[in-house]
Amino acid sequence: MDDLVTARLVLHPLTVSEAERVVAGEAGSCARWASGYPTDGDVSAARRFLSTCANSGDPQPFGTYEIRRRADDQVIGGADFHGPADDNGSVTIGYGLVPSARGKGYASEALRALLLFARTRGVTCVKGDADLDNIASQHVMMAAGMLPAGEDERVRYFEIAWGVEPHV
């Protein structure tokens, strides 16, 4: 699977060996990790990816991605699909950045790229969520075109849906 490239970022699909290094906290010789990477969220996503690979095979293209800044090739965060599309064509996505990379529009840029990517692969709905007090993450999803879809006592849910193209 090829990298997804945006104006300022490279979204690099993790391999099993790269995910193992994230879990172990060892960059290796191929990656330049920004200070604070991997976060707990990155480690959790890498573990989920490794579990999926072990149980049902590599989920790519709906796996885990490193977010790399093109200017210096540093890994500043991650984004991941929580698995392939379900029977309704829906996927769930998550993302996160190291503190020094936040507030610069990188998360919205990465999310927009992954939303477009999912849509071009037949996904009809992408869902995400953020804790009620995580206003920044809520803004990221809205900036990328996702809309609020409900909340509970802890979490606000977001989604974006596209119509199904007719088959000719």
Protein backbone atom coordinates (compact mmCIF):
# COMPACT_ATOMS: atom_id res chain seq x y z
CA MET A 1 0.00 0.00 0.00
CA ASP A 2 1.36 3.40 -0.99
CA ASP A 3 1.70 6.45 1.23
CA LEU A 4 -1.06 9.08 1.05
CA VAL A 5 0.45 12.51 0.44
CA THR A 6 -1.14 15.86 1.27
CA ALA A 7 0.22 19.39 0.99
CA ARG A 8 2.17 19.13 4.26
CA LEU A 9 1.91 15.50 5.33
CA VAL A 10 2.63 11.92 4.41
CA LEU A 11 0.24 9.32 5.80
CA HIS A 12 2.29 6.16 5.90
CA PRO A 13 0.47 2.82 6.35
CA LEU A 14 2.17 0.89 9.13
CA THR A 15 3.63 -2.52 8.48
CA VAL A 16 3.63 -5.21 11.13
CA SER A 17 7.31 -4.59 11.96
CA GLU A 18 6.73 -0.82 12.23
CA ALA A 19 3.71 -1.39 14.51
CA GLU A 20 5.80 -3.71 16.68
CA ARG A 21 8.40 -0.93 17.04
CA VAL A 22 5.67 1.56 18.03
CA VAL A 23 4.42 -0.83 20.73
CA ALA A 24 8.00 -1.38 21.93
CA GLY A 25 8.78 2.36 21.79
CA GLU A 26 11.76 1.80 19.49
CA ALA A 27 11.98 4.04 16.42
CA GLY A 28 14.46 1.92 14.49
CA SER A 29 16.52 3.31 11.65
CA CYS A 30 13.68 4.14 9.23
CA ALA A 31 11.58 6.56 11.28
CA ARG A 32 12.28 9.94 12.80
CA TRP A 33 9.93 10.32 15.74
CA ALA A 34 9.03 13.76 17.05
CA SER A 35 9.35 14.25 20.79
CA GLY A 36 6.40 12.61 22.51
CA TYR A 37 5.75 9.99 19.81
CA PRO A 38 4.33 7.45 20.21
CA THR A 39 1.50 8.60 22.43
CA ASP A 40 -0.65 6.15 24.38
CA GLY A 41 -3.19 6.43 21.55
CA ASP A 42 -0.55 5.49 18.96
CA VAL A 43 0.48 2.45 21.00
CA SER A 44 -3.16 1.41 21.40
CA ALA A 45 -3.77 1.76 17.64
CA ALA A 46 -0.62 -0.24 16.86
CA ARG A 47 -1.74 -2.99 19.23
CA ARG A 48 -5.20 -3.07 17.60
CA PHE A 49 -3.53 -3.27 14.17
CA LEU A 50 -1.26 -6.13 15.27
CA SER A 51 -4.20 -8.00 16.78
CA THR A 52 -6.19 -7.61 13.57
CA CYS A 53 -3.23 -8.81 11.50
CA ALA A 54 -2.82 -11.86 13.74
CA ASN A 55 -6.51 -12.74 13.80
CA SER A 56 -7.75 -11.92 10.29
CA GLY A 57 -4.86 -10.57 8.22
CA ASP A 58 -3.62 -7.13 7.25
CA PRO A 59 -6.61 -4.74 7.18
CA GLN A 60 -5.02 -2.37 4.67
CA PRO A 61 -6.15 -0.09 3.25
CA PHE A 62 -8.22 0.31 6.43
CA GLY A 63 -5.38 0.00 8.91
CA THR A 64 -3.10 2.28 10.88
CA TYR A 65 -1.14 5.22 9.50
CA GLU A 66 1.76 7.29 10.79
CA ILE A 67 1.33 11.01 10.23
CA ARG A 68 4.66 12.38 9.00
CA ARG A 69 5.42 16.04 8.41
CA ARG A 70 6.82 16.45 4.88
CA ALA A 71 9.06 19.39 5.84
CA ASP A 72 11.28 17.29 8.12
CA ASP A 73 9.95 13.71 7.73
CA GLN A 74 9.22 13.50 11.46
CA VAL A 75 6.41 11.26 12.71
CA ILE A 76 4.08 13.63 14.56
CA GLY A 77 1.14 11.33 15.21
CA GLY A 78 -1.11 8.66 13.86
CA ALA A 79 -4.52 7.92 12.41
CA ASP A 80 -6.28 4.64 12.05
CA PHE A 81 -9.38 2.99 10.77
CA HIS A 82 -10.69 0.68 13.47
CA GLY A 83 -11.12 -2.03 10.84
CA PRO A 84 -12.55 -2.53 7.38
CA ALA A 85 -15.98 -1.26 6.40
CA ASP A 86 -18.91 -3.11 7.96
CA ASP A 87 -21.83 -4.54 5.98
CA ASN A 88 -23.38 -1.07 5.77
CA GLY A 89 -20.20 0.48 4.31
CA SER A 90 -19.29 2.27 7.54
CA VAL A 91 -15.87 2.64 9.18
CA THR A 92 -14.69 4.26 12.39
CA ILE A 93 -11.59 6.42 12.50
CA GLY A 94 -9.32 7.85 15.18
CA TYR A 95 -6.31 10.15 15.16
CA GLY A 96 -3.89 12.00 17.39
CA LEU A 97 -0.84 14.23 17.31
CA VAL A 98 2.07 14.87 19.64
CA PRO A 99 1.53 18.06 21.66
CA SER A 100 4.10 20.11 19.70
CA ALA A 101 2.24 19.46 16.42
CA ARG A 102 -1.23 20.41 17.66
CA GLY A 103 -3.01 23.62 16.65
CA LYS A 104 -1.43 23.81 13.19
CA GLY A 105 -4.17 22.13 11.15
CA TYR A 106 -2.28 18.86 10.66
CA ALA A 107 -5.00 16.67 12.19
CA SER A 108 -7.72 18.20 9.99
CA GLU A 109 -5.49 17.83 6.92
CA ALA A 110 -4.81 14.17 7.70
CA LEU A 111 -8.46 13.46 8.48
CA ARG A 112 -9.66 15.10 5.25
CA ALA A 113 -7.23 12.93 3.28
CA LEU A 114 -8.41 9.74 4.99
CA LEU A 115 -12.07 10.67 4.48
CA LEU A 116 -11.48 11.16 0.76
CA PHE A 117 -9.48 7.95 0.64
CA ALA A 118 -12.30 6.02 2.33
CA ARG A 119 -14.93 7.50 0.03
CA THR A 120 -12.99 6.54 -3.10
CA ARG A 121 -12.89 2.95 -1.79
CA GLY A 122 -16.65 2.65 -1.47
CA VAL A 123 -17.10 3.61 2.17
CA THR A 124 -20.48 5.30 2.66
CA CYS A 125 -20.05 6.54 6.25
CA VAL A 126 -17.11 7.41 8.50
CA LYS A 127 -17.65 7.73 12.25
CA GLY A 128 -15.50 9.19 14.98
CA ASP A 129 -15.84 10.43 18.53
CA ALA A 130 -14.22 12.72 21.04
CA ASP A 131 -14.55 13.15 24.78
CA LEU A 132 -16.92 15.99 25.65
CA ASP A 133 -14.05 18.05 27.06
CA ASN A 134 -11.84 17.49 23.99
CA ILE A 135 -13.04 20.55 22.08
CA ALA A 136 -9.95 20.57 19.85
CA SER A 137 -10.70 17.09 18.49
CA GLN A 138 -14.33 18.04 17.95
CA HIS A 139 -13.16 21.04 15.92
CA VAL A 140 -10.87 18.78 13.86
CA MET A 141 -13.76 16.54 12.85
CA MET A 142 -16.02 19.47 12.01
CA ALA A 143 -13.22 21.16 10.01
CA ALA A 144 -12.89 17.95 8.00
CA GLY A 145 -16.63 17.93 7.23
CA MET A 146 -17.91 15.52 9.88
CA LEU A 147 -21.11 16.45 11.69
CA PRO A 148 -22.21 15.86 15.28
CA ALA A 149 -24.33 12.68 15.47
CA GLY A 150 -25.15 12.47 19.17
CA GLU A 151 -23.52 12.27 22.54
CA ASP A 152 -23.66 10.45 25.83
CA GLU A 153 -22.44 11.44 29.29
CA ARG A 154 -18.79 11.14 28.20
CA VAL A 155 -18.45 11.30 24.40
CA ARG A 156 -19.67 13.35 21.42
CA TYR A 157 -20.08 11.30 18.23
CA PHE A 158 -19.45 12.53 14.69
CA GLU A 159 -20.00 11.15 11.22
CA ILE A 160 -19.96 11.96 7.56
CA ALA A 161 -22.02 10.00 5.06
CA TRP A 162 -22.17 9.91 1.31
CA GLY A 163 -24.90 8.57 -0.92
CA VAL A 164 -24.36 5.25 -2.58
CA GLU A 165 -23.52 5.63 -6.25
CA PRO A 166 -25.99 3.83 -8.49
CA HIS A 167 -24.72 0.77 -10.30
CA VAL A 168 -25.21 0.93 -14.05
